[in-house]
């Protein structure tokens, strides 16, 4: 029931609303009312969609494209993560010596002990217990990126990747943990 104290404003005719939105022909798109009740196209005389429809379509198209792009990136990084990364300096004695120099000047200079029996609050790099991974690739990531919420800072921007690999080769060469095949390894804590 309509209240007498309120004035109802009638809807403007379709031709006025159509003109406001830039559509000619007297009908807004998507509404029934053509001959036989079929839908009328939402395209104006110049062949353009009203601005509101153009932007919405572009936003949907862009968001769909972004979703596909994210799927492709995620799939490629998963395939890269599953490939084992090998240390190129494992068998290079000169590189291991360079890595030892980095161990003594950088790692021991900040936190870690490099001599057996030395006590520090940082993990022992030469025992069989690893806190954040035990493969060379995982050690590389820890040294390069650091470990959040710990004292282990990132060294990736301070040294070239080859120096980080030399450092890992030196850690492996000095490890007190040997498997049956002679390979050094660690066990995550």
N, C-alpha and C. Protein backbone atom coordinates (compact mmCIF):
# COMPACT_ATOMS: atom_id res chain seq x y z
N UNK A 1 0.85 -1.17 0.00
CA UNK A 1 0.00 0.00 0.00
C UNK A 1 0.90 1.23 0.00
N UNK A 2 0.61 2.14 -0.93
CA UNK A 2 1.41 3.36 -1.07
C UNK A 2 1.02 4.35 0.00
N UNK A 3 2.01 5.00 0.56
CA UNK A 3 1.75 6.02 1.57
C UNK A 3 1.46 7.33 0.85
N UNK A 4 0.42 8.05 1.28
CA UNK A 4 0.06 9.29 0.59
C UNK A 4 1.09 10.40 0.76
N UNK A 5 1.92 10.35 1.83
CA UNK A 5 2.87 11.44 2.04
C UNK A 5 4.14 11.27 1.20
N UNK A 6 4.28 10.15 0.49
CA UNK A 6 5.45 9.93 -0.36
C UNK A 6 5.04 10.02 -1.81
N UNK A 7 5.88 10.72 -2.55
CA UNK A 7 5.61 10.85 -3.98
C UNK A 7 6.44 9.80 -4.70
N UNK A 8 5.81 9.04 -5.53
CA UNK A 8 6.53 8.03 -6.30
C UNK A 8 6.94 8.63 -7.62
N UNK A 9 8.21 8.48 -7.94
CA UNK A 9 8.69 8.97 -9.22
C UNK A 9 8.61 7.83 -10.22
N UNK A 10 7.98 8.07 -11.31
CA UNK A 10 7.86 7.00 -12.31
C UNK A 10 9.23 6.72 -12.95
N UNK A 11 9.42 5.49 -13.39
CA UNK A 11 10.63 5.12 -14.12
C UNK A 11 10.64 5.89 -15.43
N UNK A 12 11.80 6.40 -15.85
CA UNK A 12 11.82 7.07 -17.15
C UNK A 12 11.62 6.03 -18.25
N UNK A 13 11.06 6.44 -19.33
CA UNK A 13 10.84 5.50 -20.43
C UNK A 13 12.18 4.94 -20.91
N UNK A 14 12.12 3.76 -21.50
CA UNK A 14 13.33 3.10 -21.99
C UNK A 14 14.14 3.98 -22.92
N UNK A 15 13.49 4.77 -23.75
CA UNK A 15 14.26 5.57 -24.71
C UNK A 15 15.10 6.63 -24.01
N UNK A 16 14.63 7.16 -22.84
CA UNK A 16 15.41 8.15 -22.10
C UNK A 16 16.59 7.46 -21.42
N UNK A 17 16.34 6.31 -20.78
CA UNK A 17 17.44 5.57 -20.15
C UNK A 17 18.44 5.12 -21.20
N UNK A 18 17.97 4.71 -22.34
CA UNK A 18 18.87 4.26 -23.40
C UNK A 18 19.75 5.42 -23.87
N UNK A 19 19.18 6.60 -24.00
CA UNK A 19 19.95 7.76 -24.44
C UNK A 19 21.03 8.11 -23.40
N UNK A 20 20.69 7.99 -22.11
CA UNK A 20 21.66 8.27 -21.05
C UNK A 20 22.87 7.33 -21.14
N UNK A 21 22.64 6.11 -21.56
CA UNK A 21 23.70 5.11 -21.63
C UNK A 21 24.32 5.01 -23.02
N UNK A 22 23.93 5.86 -23.93
CA UNK A 22 24.53 5.87 -25.25
C UNK A 22 24.04 4.78 -26.18
N UNK A 23 22.88 4.23 -25.92
CA UNK A 23 22.34 3.17 -26.77
C UNK A 23 21.18 3.76 -27.56
N UNK A 24 21.24 3.60 -28.87
CA UNK A 24 20.13 4.10 -29.68
C UNK A 24 19.13 2.99 -29.90
N UNK A 25 18.01 3.34 -30.41
CA UNK A 25 16.99 2.35 -30.71
C UNK A 25 15.89 2.30 -29.69
N UNK A 26 16.01 3.04 -28.61
CA UNK A 26 14.92 3.13 -27.66
C UNK A 26 14.87 2.03 -26.63
N UNK A 27 15.71 1.04 -26.71
CA UNK A 27 15.68 -0.06 -25.74
C UNK A 27 17.08 -0.29 -25.17
N UNK A 28 17.15 -0.61 -23.90
CA UNK A 28 18.42 -1.00 -23.29
C UNK A 28 18.67 -2.46 -23.62
N UNK A 29 19.95 -2.79 -23.76
CA UNK A 29 20.30 -4.17 -24.07
C UNK A 29 19.91 -5.09 -22.94
N UNK A 30 19.64 -6.33 -23.30
CA UNK A 30 19.33 -7.32 -22.30
C UNK A 30 17.89 -7.27 -21.85
N UNK A 31 17.08 -6.41 -22.42
CA UNK A 31 15.68 -6.33 -22.02
C UNK A 31 14.83 -6.90 -23.13
N UNK A 32 13.76 -7.51 -22.75
CA UNK A 32 12.84 -8.04 -23.75
C UNK A 32 11.99 -6.90 -24.28
N UNK A 33 11.54 -7.04 -25.45
CA UNK A 33 10.66 -6.00 -25.95
C UNK A 33 10.78 -5.77 -27.44
N UNK A 34 11.63 -6.52 -28.10
CA UNK A 34 11.71 -6.39 -29.54
C UNK A 34 10.53 -7.09 -30.18
N UNK A 35 10.49 -7.11 -31.47
CA UNK A 35 9.40 -7.83 -32.14
C UNK A 35 9.39 -9.29 -31.70
N UNK A 36 8.31 -9.75 -31.24
CA UNK A 36 8.17 -11.13 -30.79
C UNK A 36 8.75 -11.38 -29.41
N UNK A 37 9.18 -10.34 -28.70
CA UNK A 37 9.69 -10.48 -27.34
C UNK A 37 11.14 -10.92 -27.25
N UNK A 38 11.90 -10.94 -28.39
CA UNK A 38 13.30 -11.38 -28.30
C UNK A 38 14.16 -10.29 -27.66
N UNK A 39 15.33 -10.68 -27.23
CA UNK A 39 16.25 -9.73 -26.59
C UNK A 39 16.80 -8.76 -27.61
N UNK A 40 16.98 -7.54 -27.16
CA UNK A 40 17.58 -6.51 -27.99
C UNK A 40 19.08 -6.46 -27.70
N UNK A 41 19.91 -6.20 -28.68
CA UNK A 41 21.35 -6.11 -28.41
C UNK A 41 21.66 -4.89 -27.55
N UNK A 42 22.71 -5.01 -26.75
CA UNK A 42 23.12 -3.90 -25.88
C UNK A 42 24.18 -3.05 -26.56
N UNK A 43 24.12 -2.93 -27.85
CA UNK A 43 25.10 -2.17 -28.61
C UNK A 43 24.45 -0.91 -29.14
N UNK A 44 25.14 0.22 -28.99
CA UNK A 44 24.61 1.48 -29.47
C UNK A 44 24.79 1.63 -30.97
N UNK A 45 24.38 2.76 -31.49
CA UNK A 45 24.44 3.01 -32.92
C UNK A 45 25.87 3.01 -33.43
N UNK A 46 26.82 3.44 -32.62
CA UNK A 46 28.22 3.49 -33.04
C UNK A 46 28.89 2.13 -32.88
N UNK A 47 28.16 1.11 -32.47
CA UNK A 47 28.73 -0.21 -32.30
C UNK A 47 29.49 -0.37 -31.00
N UNK A 48 29.27 0.52 -30.03
CA UNK A 48 29.98 0.45 -28.76
C UNK A 48 29.03 0.04 -27.65
N UNK A 49 29.57 -0.69 -26.70
CA UNK A 49 28.80 -1.02 -25.52
C UNK A 49 28.76 0.18 -24.60
N UNK A 50 27.73 0.29 -23.78
CA UNK A 50 27.74 1.34 -22.77
C UNK A 50 28.98 1.20 -21.88
N UNK A 51 29.48 2.31 -21.36
CA UNK A 51 30.73 2.33 -20.60
C UNK A 51 30.73 1.33 -19.45
N UNK A 52 29.64 1.20 -18.74
CA UNK A 52 29.57 0.28 -17.61
C UNK A 52 29.77 -1.16 -18.04
N UNK A 53 29.25 -1.53 -19.19
CA UNK A 53 29.42 -2.89 -19.67
C UNK A 53 30.83 -3.14 -20.19
N UNK A 54 31.44 -2.14 -20.83
CA UNK A 54 32.79 -2.31 -21.36
C UNK A 54 33.78 -2.56 -20.23
N UNK A 55 33.75 -1.76 -19.18
CA UNK A 55 34.70 -1.89 -18.09
C UNK A 55 34.51 -3.22 -17.37
N UNK A 56 33.28 -3.59 -17.09
CA UNK A 56 33.03 -4.85 -16.40
C UNK A 56 33.56 -6.03 -17.17
N UNK A 57 33.36 -6.03 -18.48
CA UNK A 57 33.88 -7.12 -19.30
C UNK A 57 35.39 -7.17 -19.30
N UNK A 58 36.02 -6.00 -19.36
CA UNK A 58 37.48 -5.96 -19.33
C UNK A 58 38.02 -6.44 -17.99
N UNK A 59 37.35 -6.07 -16.92
CA UNK A 59 37.79 -6.50 -15.60
C UNK A 59 37.68 -8.02 -15.49
N UNK A 60 36.57 -8.59 -15.97
CA UNK A 60 36.42 -10.04 -15.93
C UNK A 60 37.49 -10.72 -16.79
N UNK A 61 37.74 -10.17 -17.96
CA UNK A 61 38.75 -10.73 -18.85
C UNK A 61 40.14 -10.65 -18.21
N UNK A 62 40.47 -9.50 -17.63
CA UNK A 62 41.78 -9.33 -17.00
C UNK A 62 41.94 -10.25 -15.79
N UNK A 63 40.90 -10.38 -14.98
CA UNK A 63 41.02 -11.24 -13.80
C UNK A 63 41.14 -12.70 -14.22
N UNK A 64 40.45 -13.09 -15.27
CA UNK A 64 40.60 -14.46 -15.78
C UNK A 64 42.00 -14.70 -16.31
N UNK A 65 42.55 -13.72 -17.03
CA UNK A 65 43.91 -13.85 -17.55
C UNK A 65 44.93 -13.90 -16.43
N UNK A 66 44.71 -13.12 -15.39
CA UNK A 66 45.62 -13.12 -14.24
C UNK A 66 45.59 -14.47 -13.54
N UNK A 67 44.42 -15.06 -13.43
CA UNK A 67 44.30 -16.38 -12.80
C UNK A 67 45.08 -17.43 -13.59
N UNK A 68 44.94 -17.41 -14.91
CA UNK A 68 45.67 -18.36 -15.75
C UNK A 68 47.17 -18.15 -15.61
N UNK A 69 47.61 -16.89 -15.60
CA UNK A 69 49.03 -16.59 -15.44
C UNK A 69 49.56 -17.12 -14.11
N UNK A 70 48.80 -16.94 -13.03
CA UNK A 70 49.23 -17.45 -11.73
C UNK A 70 49.33 -18.97 -11.73
N UNK A 71 48.41 -19.65 -12.41
CA UNK A 71 48.49 -21.11 -12.51
C UNK A 71 49.76 -21.54 -13.24
N UNK A 72 50.09 -20.86 -14.33
CA UNK A 72 51.29 -21.20 -15.10
C UNK A 72 52.55 -20.99 -14.26
N UNK A 73 52.61 -19.86 -13.55
CA UNK A 73 53.78 -19.57 -12.72
C UNK A 73 53.91 -20.61 -11.60
N UNK A 74 52.80 -20.95 -10.97
CA UNK A 74 52.85 -21.94 -9.89
C UNK A 74 53.30 -23.30 -10.41
N UNK A 75 52.80 -23.70 -11.57
CA UNK A 75 53.19 -24.99 -12.14
C UNK A 75 54.67 -25.01 -12.49
N UNK A 76 55.18 -23.92 -13.04
CA UNK A 76 56.60 -23.91 -13.41
C UNK A 76 57.50 -23.91 -12.18
N UNK A 77 57.11 -23.21 -11.12
CA UNK A 77 57.95 -23.22 -9.92
C UNK A 77 57.88 -24.56 -9.21
N UNK A 78 56.76 -25.26 -9.29
CA UNK A 78 56.70 -26.60 -8.70
C UNK A 78 57.60 -27.56 -9.45
N UNK A 79 57.64 -27.45 -10.77
CA UNK A 79 58.50 -28.35 -11.54
C UNK A 79 59.97 -28.04 -11.26
N UNK A 80 60.31 -26.76 -11.08
CA UNK A 80 61.68 -26.38 -10.75
C UNK A 80 62.06 -26.87 -9.36
N UNK A 81 61.12 -26.79 -8.41
CA UNK A 81 61.41 -27.19 -7.03
C UNK A 81 61.64 -28.69 -6.93
N UNK A 82 61.03 -29.49 -7.81
CA UNK A 82 61.19 -30.93 -7.73
C UNK A 82 62.51 -31.40 -8.33
N UNK A 83 63.20 -30.55 -9.09
CA UNK A 83 64.47 -30.92 -9.68
C UNK A 83 65.58 -30.74 -8.64
N UNK A 84 66.38 -31.78 -8.41
CA UNK A 84 67.46 -31.64 -7.43
C UNK A 84 68.53 -30.69 -7.95
N UNK A 85 69.05 -29.87 -7.05
CA UNK A 85 70.11 -28.93 -7.39
C UNK A 85 71.41 -29.51 -6.85
N UNK A 86 72.40 -29.62 -7.72
CA UNK A 86 73.70 -30.17 -7.32
C UNK A 86 74.70 -29.05 -7.13
N UNK A 87 75.53 -29.22 -6.14
CA UNK A 87 76.58 -28.26 -5.86
C UNK A 87 77.70 -28.44 -6.89
N UNK A 88 78.00 -27.41 -7.67
CA UNK A 88 79.02 -27.56 -8.71
C UNK A 88 80.45 -27.63 -8.16
N UNK A 89 80.64 -27.39 -6.86
CA UNK A 89 81.99 -27.34 -6.30
C UNK A 89 82.30 -28.48 -5.33
N UNK A 90 81.46 -29.50 -5.28
CA UNK A 90 81.65 -30.58 -4.32
C UNK A 90 83.00 -31.28 -4.48
N UNK A 91 83.42 -31.52 -5.71
CA UNK A 91 84.66 -32.26 -5.97
C UNK A 91 85.86 -31.35 -6.23
N UNK A 92 85.70 -30.05 -6.10
CA UNK A 92 86.76 -29.08 -6.41
C UNK A 92 87.49 -28.68 -5.13
N UNK A 93 88.72 -29.19 -4.94
CA UNK A 93 89.47 -28.95 -3.70
C UNK A 93 89.78 -27.47 -3.50
N UNK A 94 90.08 -26.76 -4.58
CA UNK A 94 90.38 -25.32 -4.46
C UNK A 94 89.14 -24.56 -4.01
N UNK A 95 87.97 -24.94 -4.53
CA UNK A 95 86.72 -24.28 -4.14
C UNK A 95 86.39 -24.57 -2.69
N UNK A 96 86.68 -25.81 -2.24
CA UNK A 96 86.44 -26.16 -0.84
C UNK A 96 87.32 -25.30 0.07
N UNK A 97 88.56 -25.07 -0.32
CA UNK A 97 89.46 -24.21 0.48
C UNK A 97 88.93 -22.77 0.52
N UNK A 98 88.45 -22.28 -0.62
CA UNK A 98 87.85 -20.92 -0.63
C UNK A 98 86.64 -20.88 0.29
N UNK A 99 85.85 -21.95 0.27
CA UNK A 99 84.68 -22.03 1.15
C UNK A 99 85.07 -22.03 2.62
N UNK A 100 86.19 -22.71 2.94
CA UNK A 100 86.67 -22.71 4.33
C UNK A 100 87.06 -21.30 4.77
N UNK A 101 87.66 -20.56 3.85
CA UNK A 101 88.00 -19.17 4.18
C UNK A 101 86.76 -18.36 4.49
N UNK A 102 85.70 -18.56 3.70
CA UNK A 102 84.42 -17.88 3.97
C UNK A 102 83.84 -18.32 5.31
N UNK A 103 83.93 -19.63 5.60
CA UNK A 103 83.43 -20.14 6.88
C UNK A 103 84.10 -19.44 8.05
N UNK A 104 85.41 -19.35 7.99
CA UNK A 104 86.15 -18.76 9.10
C UNK A 104 85.93 -17.26 9.22
N UNK A 105 85.86 -16.57 8.08
CA UNK A 105 85.73 -15.11 8.15
C UNK A 105 84.29 -14.64 8.33
N UNK A 106 83.36 -15.34 7.75
CA UNK A 106 81.96 -14.87 7.79
C UNK A 106 81.15 -15.63 8.83
N UNK A 107 81.04 -16.93 8.66
CA UNK A 107 80.16 -17.72 9.54
C UNK A 107 80.66 -17.72 10.99
N UNK A 108 81.96 -18.00 11.17
CA UNK A 108 82.51 -18.00 12.53
C UNK A 108 82.62 -16.58 13.06
N UNK A 109 82.78 -15.63 12.16
CA UNK A 109 82.86 -14.24 12.58
C UNK A 109 81.55 -13.71 13.12
N UNK A 110 80.44 -14.29 12.69
CA UNK A 110 79.13 -13.83 13.16
C UNK A 110 78.59 -14.71 14.28
N UNK A 111 78.42 -16.00 14.03
CA UNK A 111 77.65 -16.81 14.97
C UNK A 111 78.18 -18.22 15.19
N UNK A 112 78.49 -18.93 14.12
CA UNK A 112 78.75 -20.36 14.19
C UNK A 112 80.18 -20.66 14.64
N UNK A 113 80.33 -21.82 15.26
CA UNK A 113 81.68 -22.28 15.59
C UNK A 113 82.18 -23.15 14.43
N UNK A 114 83.46 -23.09 14.17
CA UNK A 114 84.03 -23.92 13.11
C UNK A 114 84.98 -24.97 13.69
N UNK A 115 85.21 -24.91 14.98
CA UNK A 115 86.06 -25.89 15.65
C UNK A 115 85.18 -26.78 16.53
N UNK A 116 85.48 -28.06 16.53
CA UNK A 116 84.72 -28.99 17.35
C UNK A 116 84.93 -28.65 18.82
N UNK A 117 83.84 -28.64 19.56
CA UNK A 117 83.90 -28.35 20.99
C UNK A 117 83.63 -26.90 21.34
N UNK A 118 83.73 -25.99 20.36
CA UNK A 118 83.39 -24.59 20.65
C UNK A 118 81.89 -24.49 20.85
N UNK A 119 81.50 -23.68 21.80
CA UNK A 119 80.08 -23.54 22.11
C UNK A 119 79.58 -22.16 21.70
N UNK A 120 78.56 -22.14 20.89
CA UNK A 120 77.88 -20.89 20.52
C UNK A 120 76.39 -21.15 20.57
N UNK A 121 75.61 -20.08 20.47
CA UNK A 121 74.16 -20.27 20.46
C UNK A 121 73.64 -20.60 19.06
N UNK A 122 74.51 -20.56 18.05
CA UNK A 122 74.10 -20.91 16.69
C UNK A 122 74.36 -22.40 16.46
N UNK A 123 73.62 -23.01 15.55
CA UNK A 123 73.80 -24.45 15.30
C UNK A 123 75.22 -24.80 14.85
N UNK A 124 75.64 -25.99 15.22
CA UNK A 124 76.92 -26.53 14.77
C UNK A 124 76.77 -26.91 13.30
N UNK A 125 77.63 -26.39 12.46
CA UNK A 125 77.52 -26.64 11.02
C UNK A 125 78.07 -27.99 10.60
N UNK A 126 78.79 -28.67 11.50
CA UNK A 126 79.49 -29.89 11.10
C UNK A 126 78.93 -31.15 11.75
N UNK A 127 77.87 -31.04 12.55
CA UNK A 127 77.29 -32.23 13.14
C UNK A 127 76.25 -32.83 12.19
N UNK A 128 75.53 -33.82 12.67
CA UNK A 128 74.56 -34.52 11.81
C UNK A 128 73.14 -34.00 11.99
N UNK A 129 72.95 -32.95 12.74
CA UNK A 129 71.60 -32.42 12.98
C UNK A 129 71.44 -31.07 12.30
N UNK A 130 70.52 -31.02 11.35
CA UNK A 130 70.26 -29.78 10.61
C UNK A 130 68.85 -29.31 10.95
N UNK A 131 68.72 -28.05 11.23
CA UNK A 131 67.43 -27.51 11.64
C UNK A 131 66.53 -27.15 10.46
N UNK A 132 67.10 -26.72 9.37
CA UNK A 132 66.27 -26.18 8.28
C UNK A 132 66.55 -26.85 6.94
N UNK A 133 66.77 -28.14 6.95
CA UNK A 133 66.98 -28.88 5.72
C UNK A 133 68.35 -29.51 5.67
N UNK A 134 68.47 -30.56 4.85
CA UNK A 134 69.75 -31.26 4.82
C UNK A 134 70.35 -31.41 3.43
N UNK A 135 69.66 -31.05 2.39
CA UNK A 135 70.23 -31.14 1.05
C UNK A 135 71.03 -29.89 0.74
N UNK A 136 71.90 -29.99 -0.25
CA UNK A 136 72.67 -28.81 -0.65
C UNK A 136 71.75 -27.68 -1.10
N UNK A 137 70.70 -28.03 -1.82
CA UNK A 137 69.76 -27.00 -2.30
C UNK A 137 69.07 -26.30 -1.13
N UNK A 138 68.70 -27.06 -0.10
CA UNK A 138 68.06 -26.45 1.07
C UNK A 138 69.04 -25.58 1.86
N UNK A 139 70.28 -26.04 1.98
CA UNK A 139 71.29 -25.22 2.65
C UNK A 139 71.54 -23.93 1.88
N UNK A 140 71.59 -24.04 0.56
CA UNK A 140 71.79 -22.86 -0.28
C UNK A 140 70.67 -21.84 -0.03
N UNK A 141 69.42 -22.34 0.01
CA UNK A 141 68.28 -21.46 0.24
C UNK A 141 68.36 -20.80 1.61
N UNK A 142 68.75 -21.56 2.63
CA UNK A 142 68.86 -21.00 3.99
C UNK A 142 69.93 -19.92 4.04
N UNK A 143 71.09 -20.18 3.43
CA UNK A 143 72.17 -19.19 3.46
C UNK A 143 71.79 -17.96 2.63
N UNK A 144 71.20 -18.19 1.47
CA UNK A 144 70.85 -17.08 0.58
C UNK A 144 69.71 -16.23 1.16
N UNK A 145 68.65 -16.89 1.66
CA UNK A 145 67.44 -16.17 2.08
C UNK A 145 67.35 -15.91 3.58
N UNK A 146 68.16 -16.61 4.37
CA UNK A 146 68.04 -16.49 5.82
C UNK A 146 66.87 -17.31 6.34
N UNK A 147 66.66 -17.26 7.63
CA UNK A 147 65.55 -17.97 8.26
C UNK A 147 64.76 -16.95 9.07
N UNK A 148 63.48 -16.74 8.73
CA UNK A 148 62.67 -15.76 9.46
C UNK A 148 62.60 -16.09 10.96
N UNK A 149 62.54 -15.06 11.75
CA UNK A 149 62.40 -15.16 13.21
C UNK A 149 63.57 -15.88 13.89
N UNK A 150 64.73 -15.85 13.24
CA UNK A 150 65.95 -16.39 13.86
C UNK A 150 67.08 -15.38 13.62
N UNK A 151 68.24 -15.69 14.17
CA UNK A 151 69.40 -14.83 13.93
C UNK A 151 70.02 -15.08 12.56
N UNK A 152 69.60 -16.13 11.87
CA UNK A 152 70.19 -16.46 10.57
C UNK A 152 69.72 -15.45 9.54
N UNK A 153 70.63 -14.55 9.20
CA UNK A 153 70.29 -13.50 8.23
C UNK A 153 70.55 -13.98 6.81
N UNK A 154 70.08 -13.22 5.86
CA UNK A 154 70.27 -13.51 4.45
C UNK A 154 71.65 -13.05 4.00
N UNK A 155 72.36 -13.91 3.29
CA UNK A 155 73.65 -13.55 2.72
C UNK A 155 73.60 -13.51 1.20
N UNK A 156 72.42 -13.68 0.63
CA UNK A 156 72.27 -13.74 -0.82
C UNK A 156 72.72 -12.49 -1.55
N UNK A 157 72.43 -11.34 -1.04
CA UNK A 157 72.82 -10.11 -1.71
C UNK A 157 74.26 -9.70 -1.42
N UNK A 158 74.90 -10.37 -0.47
CA UNK A 158 76.25 -9.99 -0.07
C UNK A 158 77.34 -10.80 -0.76
N UNK A 159 76.99 -11.97 -1.27
CA UNK A 159 77.97 -12.84 -1.92
C UNK A 159 77.38 -13.40 -3.21
N UNK A 160 78.22 -13.66 -4.20
CA UNK A 160 77.72 -14.32 -5.41
C UNK A 160 77.28 -15.76 -5.09
N UNK A 161 76.39 -16.29 -5.90
CA UNK A 161 75.90 -17.65 -5.69
C UNK A 161 77.04 -18.67 -5.64
N UNK A 162 78.04 -18.50 -6.49
CA UNK A 162 79.16 -19.45 -6.50
C UNK A 162 79.87 -19.49 -5.15
N UNK A 163 79.99 -18.36 -4.48
CA UNK A 163 80.61 -18.35 -3.15
C UNK A 163 79.75 -19.10 -2.14
N UNK A 164 78.44 -18.99 -2.27
CA UNK A 164 77.56 -19.73 -1.36
C UNK A 164 77.71 -21.23 -1.59
N UNK A 165 77.84 -21.65 -2.86
CA UNK A 165 78.05 -23.07 -3.16
C UNK A 165 79.40 -23.53 -2.62
N UNK A 166 80.44 -22.70 -2.72
CA UNK A 166 81.76 -23.05 -2.16
C UNK A 166 81.66 -23.22 -0.64
N UNK A 167 80.90 -22.35 0.00
CA UNK A 167 80.69 -22.43 1.44
C UNK A 167 80.03 -23.76 1.81
N UNK A 168 79.03 -24.16 1.05
CA UNK A 168 78.34 -25.43 1.31
C UNK A 168 79.30 -26.60 1.08
N UNK A 169 80.12 -26.52 0.04
CA UNK A 169 81.11 -27.58 -0.22
C UNK A 169 82.06 -27.71 0.97
N UNK A 170 82.46 -26.60 1.55
CA UNK A 170 83.36 -26.63 2.72
C UNK A 170 82.65 -27.22 3.94
N UNK A 171 81.39 -26.88 4.13
CA UNK A 171 80.62 -27.45 5.25
C UNK A 171 80.53 -28.96 5.09
N UNK A 172 80.22 -29.41 3.88
CA UNK A 172 80.12 -30.86 3.63
C UNK A 172 81.47 -31.55 3.83
N UNK A 173 82.54 -30.92 3.37
CA UNK A 173 83.87 -31.53 3.49
C UNK A 173 84.29 -31.63 4.96
N UNK A 174 83.88 -30.70 5.79
CA UNK A 174 84.25 -30.71 7.20
C UNK A 174 83.27 -31.43 8.10
N UNK A 175 82.22 -31.99 7.53
CA UNK A 175 81.18 -32.62 8.33
C UNK A 175 81.70 -33.84 9.08
N UNK A 176 81.22 -34.02 10.29
CA UNK A 176 81.54 -35.19 11.08
C UNK A 176 80.50 -36.28 10.88
N UNK A 177 79.59 -36.07 9.97
CA UNK A 177 78.51 -37.01 9.72
C UNK A 177 78.75 -37.70 8.37
N UNK A 178 78.96 -39.00 8.38
CA UNK A 178 79.22 -39.75 7.15
C UNK A 178 78.19 -40.87 7.01
N UNK A 179 77.67 -41.01 5.78
CA UNK A 179 76.79 -42.15 5.50
C UNK A 179 77.65 -43.31 5.02
N UNK A 180 77.03 -44.46 4.78
CA UNK A 180 77.75 -45.65 4.34
C UNK A 180 78.47 -45.45 3.01
N UNK A 181 77.88 -44.65 2.11
CA UNK A 181 78.50 -44.46 0.80
C UNK A 181 79.55 -43.35 0.80
N UNK A 182 79.86 -42.80 1.97
CA UNK A 182 80.88 -41.77 2.07
C UNK A 182 80.35 -40.36 1.87
N UNK A 183 79.08 -40.21 1.51
CA UNK A 183 78.49 -38.89 1.32
C UNK A 183 78.18 -38.28 2.68
N UNK A 184 78.43 -36.99 2.78
CA UNK A 184 78.06 -36.30 4.02
C UNK A 184 76.62 -35.88 3.94
N UNK A 185 75.96 -35.90 5.05
CA UNK A 185 74.55 -35.51 5.08
C UNK A 185 74.19 -35.04 6.47
N UNK A 186 73.04 -34.47 6.58
CA UNK A 186 72.52 -34.06 7.87
C UNK A 186 71.13 -34.60 8.05
N UNK A 187 70.67 -34.59 9.26
CA UNK A 187 69.32 -35.03 9.56
C UNK A 187 68.57 -33.85 10.15
N UNK A 188 67.42 -33.46 9.54
CA UNK A 188 66.69 -32.32 10.08
C UNK A 188 66.28 -32.55 11.53
N UNK A 189 66.36 -31.52 12.34
CA UNK A 189 65.94 -31.62 13.75
C UNK A 189 64.45 -31.54 13.87
